[in-house]
Amino acid sequence: MTGGEIVVVDNNKRIILETILEESIDTIGVVDSKVYHQAKRVVVKSGETEGYRDVILIDFTPMVALTRAS
């Protein structure tokens, strides 16, 4: 595969990071409320018939205490 650049920008749309994750353990962590992020299009390399891009997305949601109505 080729392409797949990761772009992270701040809330003013200024680029903070632009990179390609190439190794199997390469990781980026973001706080969604602080940034915008995207992965650009990937394509099969010239001369190849297929390619793979594996992605794992983990989303953490803060726990909040539930209150009961009296």
Protein backbone atom coordinates (compact mmCIF):
# COMPACT_ATOMS: atom_id res chain seq x y z
CA MET A 1 0.00 0.00 0.00
CA THR A 2 0.97 3.60 -0.44
CA GLY A 3 -0.57 6.78 0.94
CA GLY A 4 -2.47 6.80 4.20
CA GLU A 5 -0.85 9.88 5.67
CA ILE A 6 -2.19 10.76 9.12
CA VAL A 7 -2.95 14.46 9.57
CA VAL A 8 -3.70 16.00 12.98
CA VAL A 9 -4.66 19.70 13.22
CA ASP A 10 -5.55 21.90 16.17
CA ASN A 11 -8.94 23.60 16.53
CA ASN A 12 -7.57 26.56 14.53
CA LYS A 13 -6.84 24.12 11.65
CA ARG A 14 -3.04 24.42 12.04
CA ILE A 15 -1.18 21.19 11.28
CA ILE A 16 0.29 19.61 14.41
CA LEU A 17 1.36 16.32 12.84
CA GLU A 18 1.52 14.82 9.37
CA THR A 19 3.07 11.35 9.18
CA ILE A 20 2.72 7.83 7.86
CA LEU A 21 2.47 4.92 10.30
CA GLU A 22 4.71 2.27 8.76
CA GLU A 23 5.47 -0.29 11.47
CA SER A 24 2.89 -2.66 12.95
CA ILE A 25 3.04 -1.06 16.42
CA ASP A 26 3.11 2.61 15.30
CA THR A 27 0.46 4.48 17.29
CA ILE A 28 -1.07 7.94 17.56
CA GLY A 29 -3.28 9.02 20.45
CA VAL A 30 -5.48 12.11 20.34
CA VAL A 31 -8.11 13.84 22.46
CA ASP A 32 -11.00 14.42 20.04
CA SER A 33 -12.14 17.62 21.74
CA LYS A 34 -8.68 19.17 21.22
CA VAL A 35 -7.92 18.26 17.60
CA TYR A 36 -9.24 17.14 14.23
CA HIS A 37 -7.65 14.10 12.61
CA GLN A 38 -7.89 12.11 9.41
CA ALA A 39 -6.15 9.39 7.46
CA LYS A 40 -5.71 10.07 3.77
CA ARG A 41 -6.57 7.58 1.04
CA VAL A 42 -4.47 4.45 0.56
CA VAL A 43 -3.89 2.71 -2.77
CA VAL A 44 -2.20 -0.49 -3.91
CA LYS A 45 1.41 0.13 -4.95
CA SER A 46 2.18 0.15 -8.66
CA GLY A 47 2.87 -3.36 -9.91
CA GLU A 48 1.06 -5.03 -6.98
CA THR A 49 -2.36 -6.71 -7.21
CA GLU A 50 -3.48 -6.28 -3.60
CA GLY A 51 -2.58 -4.62 -0.35
CA TYR A 52 -3.74 -4.41 3.26
CA ARG A 53 -4.16 -1.69 5.82
CA ASP A 54 -5.07 -2.75 9.34
CA VAL A 55 -6.52 -0.24 11.77
CA ILE A 56 -7.48 -0.63 15.42
CA LEU A 57 -9.55 2.16 16.97
CA ILE A 58 -9.93 2.33 20.74
CA ASP A 59 -12.30 4.91 22.21
CA PHE A 60 -12.26 5.75 25.89
CA THR A 61 -15.34 7.43 27.34
CA PRO A 62 -15.01 8.93 30.83
CA MET A 63 -17.23 7.33 33.45
CA VAL A 64 -19.61 9.65 35.27
CA ALA A 65 -21.58 8.87 38.38
CA LEU A 66 -25.31 8.45 37.85
CA THR A 67 -27.57 10.35 40.21
CA ARG A 68 -31.04 9.20 41.14
CA ALA A 69 -33.99 11.58 41.14
CA SER A 70 -35.58 11.86 44.60
